[in-house]
Structures are given as structure tokens and as C-alpha cells.
C-alpha atoms as a PDB file:
ATOM      1  CA  MET A   1     167.885 -16.214 267.446  1.00  0.00           C
ATOM      2  CA  ILE A   2     169.526 -12.777 268.427  1.00  0.00           C
ATOM      3  CA  GLU A   3     171.834 -14.922 269.969  1.00  0.00           C
ATOM      4  CA  ALA A   4     172.610 -16.945 266.975  1.00  0.00           C
ATOM      5  CA  GLY A   5     172.855 -13.152 265.209  1.00  0.00           C
ATOM      6  CA  LYS A   6     175.251 -11.782 267.567  1.00  0.00           C
ATOM      7  CA  SER A   7     177.117 -15.062 267.713  1.00  0.00           C
ATOM      8  CA  LEU A   8     177.329 -14.845 263.554  1.00  0.00           C
ATOM      9  CA  ARG A   9     176.290 -18.579 263.867  1.00  0.00           C
ATOM     10  CA  PHE A  10     174.736 -18.411 260.093  1.00  0.00           C
ATOM     11  CA  ALA A  11     173.051 -22.189 259.860  1.00  0.00           C
ATOM     12  CA  ASP A  12     171.382 -21.189 262.807  1.00  0.00           C
ATOM     13  CA  ILE A  13     169.905 -18.247 261.848  1.00  0.00           C
ATOM     14  CA  ASP A  14     168.924 -19.286 258.517  1.00  0.00           C
ATOM     15  CA  GLU A  15     167.547 -23.063 259.963  1.00  0.00           C
ATOM     16  CA  ASN A  16     164.936 -20.950 262.213  1.00  0.00           C
ATOM     17  CA  PRO A  17     161.651 -20.907 261.432  1.00  0.00           C
ATOM     18  CA  LEU A  18     160.832 -17.588 261.067  1.00  0.00           C
ATOM     19  CA  SER A  19     160.213 -15.603 257.520  1.00  0.00           C
ATOM     20  CA  GLN A  20     163.445 -14.675 256.178  1.00  0.00           C
ATOM     21  CA  LEU A  21     162.270 -10.981 256.226  1.00  0.00           C
ATOM     22  CA  PHE A  22     161.211 -11.192 259.569  1.00  0.00           C
ATOM     23  CA  LYS A  23     164.840 -12.706 260.228  1.00  0.00           C
ATOM     24  CA  ALA A  24     166.838 -10.092 258.711  1.00  0.00           C
ATOM     25  CA  LYS A  25     165.256  -6.928 260.164  1.00  0.00           C
ATOM     26  CA  ILE A  26     165.951  -8.301 263.473  1.00  0.00           C
ATOM     27  CA  LEU A  27     169.312  -9.198 262.405  1.00  0.00           C
ATOM     28  CA  SER A  28     169.995  -5.535 260.946  1.00  0.00           C
ATOM     29  CA  LEU A  29     167.635  -3.741 263.678  1.00  0.00           C
ATOM     30  CA  TYR A  30     169.764  -5.230 266.734  1.00  0.00           C
ATOM     31  CA  PHE A  31     173.418  -5.428 264.911  1.00  0.00           C
ATOM     32  CA  PRO A  32     173.280  -2.608 262.044  1.00  0.00           C
ATOM     33  CA  ASP A  33     176.941  -3.134 262.690  1.00  0.00           C
ATOM     34  CA  LYS A  34     176.977  -6.970 261.184  1.00  0.00           C
ATOM     35  CA  TYR A  35     173.944  -7.209 259.118  1.00  0.00           C
ATOM     36  CA  LEU A  36     173.235  -5.098 255.918  1.00  0.00           C
ATOM     37  CA  ASN A  37     169.651  -3.340 256.663  1.00  0.00           C
ATOM     38  CA  VAL A  38     168.594  -5.541 253.529  1.00  0.00           C
ATOM     39  CA  CYS A  39     165.978  -8.087 254.146  1.00  0.00           C
ATOM     40  CA  SER A  40     164.828  -9.597 250.643  1.00  0.00           C
ATOM     41  CA  ALA A  41     166.774 -13.215 250.133  1.00  0.00           C
ATOM     42  CA  GLU A  42     166.682 -12.303 246.758  1.00  0.00           C
ATOM     43  CA  HIS A  43     168.062  -8.888 247.053  1.00  0.00           C
ATOM     44  CA  ILE A  44     170.694 -10.126 249.415  1.00  0.00           C
ATOM     45  CA  GLU A  45     171.519 -12.966 247.070  1.00  0.00           C
ATOM     46  CA  GLU A  46     171.513 -10.638 243.713  1.00  0.00           C
ATOM     47  CA  LEU A  47     174.347  -7.798 245.422  1.00  0.00           C
ATOM     48  CA  SER A  48     176.390 -10.783 246.703  1.00  0.00           C
ATOM     49  CA  GLU A  49     175.818 -12.285 243.166  1.00  0.00           C
ATOM     50  CA  LYS A  50     177.132  -8.674 241.297  1.00  0.00           C
ATOM     51  CA  LEU A  51     179.968  -8.116 244.177  1.00  0.00           C
ATOM     52  CA  GLY A  52     181.581 -10.880 243.633  1.00  0.00           C
ATOM     53  CA  LEU A  53     181.054 -12.406 247.189  1.00  0.00           C
ATOM     54  CA  PRO A  54     180.335 -16.204 247.552  1.00  0.00           C
ATOM     55  CA  SER A  55     176.572 -17.228 246.756  1.00  0.00           C
ATOM     56  CA  ASP A  56     176.823 -20.822 248.293  1.00  0.00           C
ATOM     57  CA  THR A  57     176.444 -19.448 251.806  1.00  0.00           C
ATOM     58  CA  PHE A  58     173.793 -19.075 254.133  1.00  0.00           C
ATOM     59  CA  VAL A  59     171.843 -15.447 253.251  1.00  0.00           C
ATOM     60  CA  SER A  60     172.065 -14.145 256.364  1.00  0.00           C
ATOM     61  CA  GLU A  61     175.772 -14.450 256.060  1.00  0.00           C
ATOM     62  CA  GLN A  62     175.465 -13.000 252.688  1.00  0.00           C
ATOM     63  CA  GLN A  63     173.426 -10.216 255.041  1.00  0.00           C
ATOM     64  CA  HIS A  64     176.525 -10.277 256.961  1.00  0.00           C
ATOM     65  CA  GLN A  65     179.532 -10.338 254.312  1.00  0.00           C
ATOM     66  CA  LEU A  66     177.583  -7.570 252.364  1.00  0.00           C
ATOM     67  CA  LEU A  67     178.168  -5.034 254.766  1.00  0.00           C
ATOM     68  CA  GLN A  68     181.904  -6.590 256.126  1.00  0.00           C
ATOM     69  CA  ALA A  69     182.988  -5.505 252.216  1.00  0.00           C
ATOM     70  CA  ALA A  70     181.579  -2.383 251.977  1.00  0.00           C
ATOM     71  CA  TRP A  71     183.377  -1.361 255.297  1.00  0.00           C
ATOM     72  CA  LYS A  72     186.260  -2.916 253.689  1.00  0.00           C
ATOM     73  CA  THR A  73     186.236  -0.285 250.790  1.00  0.00           C
ATOM     74  CA  PRO A  74     187.695   2.793 251.290  1.00  0.00           C
ATOM     75  CA  ILE A  75     184.992   4.856 249.589  1.00  0.00           C
ATOM     76  CA  THR A  76     182.349   3.450 251.715  1.00  0.00           C
ATOM     77  CA  SER A  77     184.591   2.548 254.811  1.00  0.00           C
ATOM     78  CA  ASN A  78     183.004   5.221 257.077  1.00  0.00           C
ATOM     79  CA  TRP A  79     179.010   5.441 254.962  1.00  0.00           C
ATOM     80  CA  SER A  80     176.192   4.297 258.030  1.00  0.00           C
ATOM     81  CA  ASN A  81     174.385   1.014 257.474  1.00  0.00           C
ATOM     82  CA  PRO A  82     171.104   2.492 255.488  1.00  0.00           C
ATOM     83  CA  LYS A  83     173.762   4.976 253.247  1.00  0.00           C
ATOM     84  CA  ILE A  84     175.340   1.325 251.805  1.00  0.00           C
ATOM     85  CA  MET A  85     171.991  -0.215 251.169  1.00  0.00           C
ATOM     86  CA  THR A  86     170.728   2.853 249.407  1.00  0.00           C
ATOM     87  CA  PHE A  87     173.952   2.940 247.592  1.00  0.00           C
ATOM     88  CA  LEU A  88     173.718  -0.546 246.565  1.00  0.00           C
ATOM     89  CA  TYR A  89     169.974  -0.174 245.517  1.00  0.00           C
ATOM     90  CA  ASN A  90     171.020   2.666 243.741  1.00  0.00           C
ATOM     91  CA  THR A  91     173.833   1.673 241.666  1.00  0.00           C
ATOM     92  CA  PHE A  92     172.993  -2.136 241.543  1.00  0.00           C
ATOM     93  CA  SER A  93     169.491  -2.909 241.658  1.00  0.00           C
ATOM     94  CA  TYR A  94     167.442  -0.054 239.730  1.00  0.00           C
ATOM     95  CA  PRO A  95     169.785   2.052 237.927  1.00  0.00           C
ATOM     96  CA  GLY A  96     168.230   5.120 237.385  1.00  0.00           C
ATOM     97  CA  PRO A  97     169.407   7.324 234.512  1.00  0.00           C
ATOM     98  CA  THR A  98     172.812   8.851 236.692  1.00  0.00           C
ATOM     99  CA  SER A  99     173.513   5.280 238.260  1.00  0.00           C
ATOM    100  CA  PRO A 100     176.431   3.369 236.639  1.00  0.00           C
ATOM    101  CA  SER A 101     175.672   0.579 234.263  1.00  0.00           C
ATOM    102  CA  ILE A 102     176.812  -3.086 235.377  1.00  0.00           C
END
């Protein structure tokens, strides 16, 4: 699992029999520069869809792409992994009165 995460072997990650939440947590803790620290497959897929990322990919690949996309965006390029996660949740999943609507 660790070697697959390090090498971005998404098929090997997703085919691992561990639970999705556990795999995503391992990836985000061991590789915070490669995987967003969102662990729910449903949340990862929802955020990917809302940001226009490919949805026909492995969940671990989407977890990776979400973080990489944020770091390629000028406003969020210097943000930490937890700050990006918080922003995405506040903006897209649980909009409050001051959050932009979708």
C-alpha cells in the first residue's frame, strides 16, 4: 500500500482490500504532498465532480488530482493540505451563509 501510494499506482491502491477510509487516511498521512486529506470516497468523488475533474478514474487518483489541482491554482498554490480540505468542504459540501453557492 505504501509503495503503491508513493509510486502513484492507483489501481493497486484501489484494489487493496483495506477499507477506503483507511487507505485514504494512510495516503494523506504518509504523502501529504500527493493526496488530499479527504478520506470518504463519496466526498472525493463529489468534490472531483464539482471541480470538473475526471470521474471515471480510481478514487485514489481523484484524491491525488484534487490536491494537485489546488496547488496549480494561483490562489491556493501555497496553501497547506488541511487548509485546502477545509476550503473545499466549506465551499462545495456544506455551504454556509457566507460561502459561495454552486
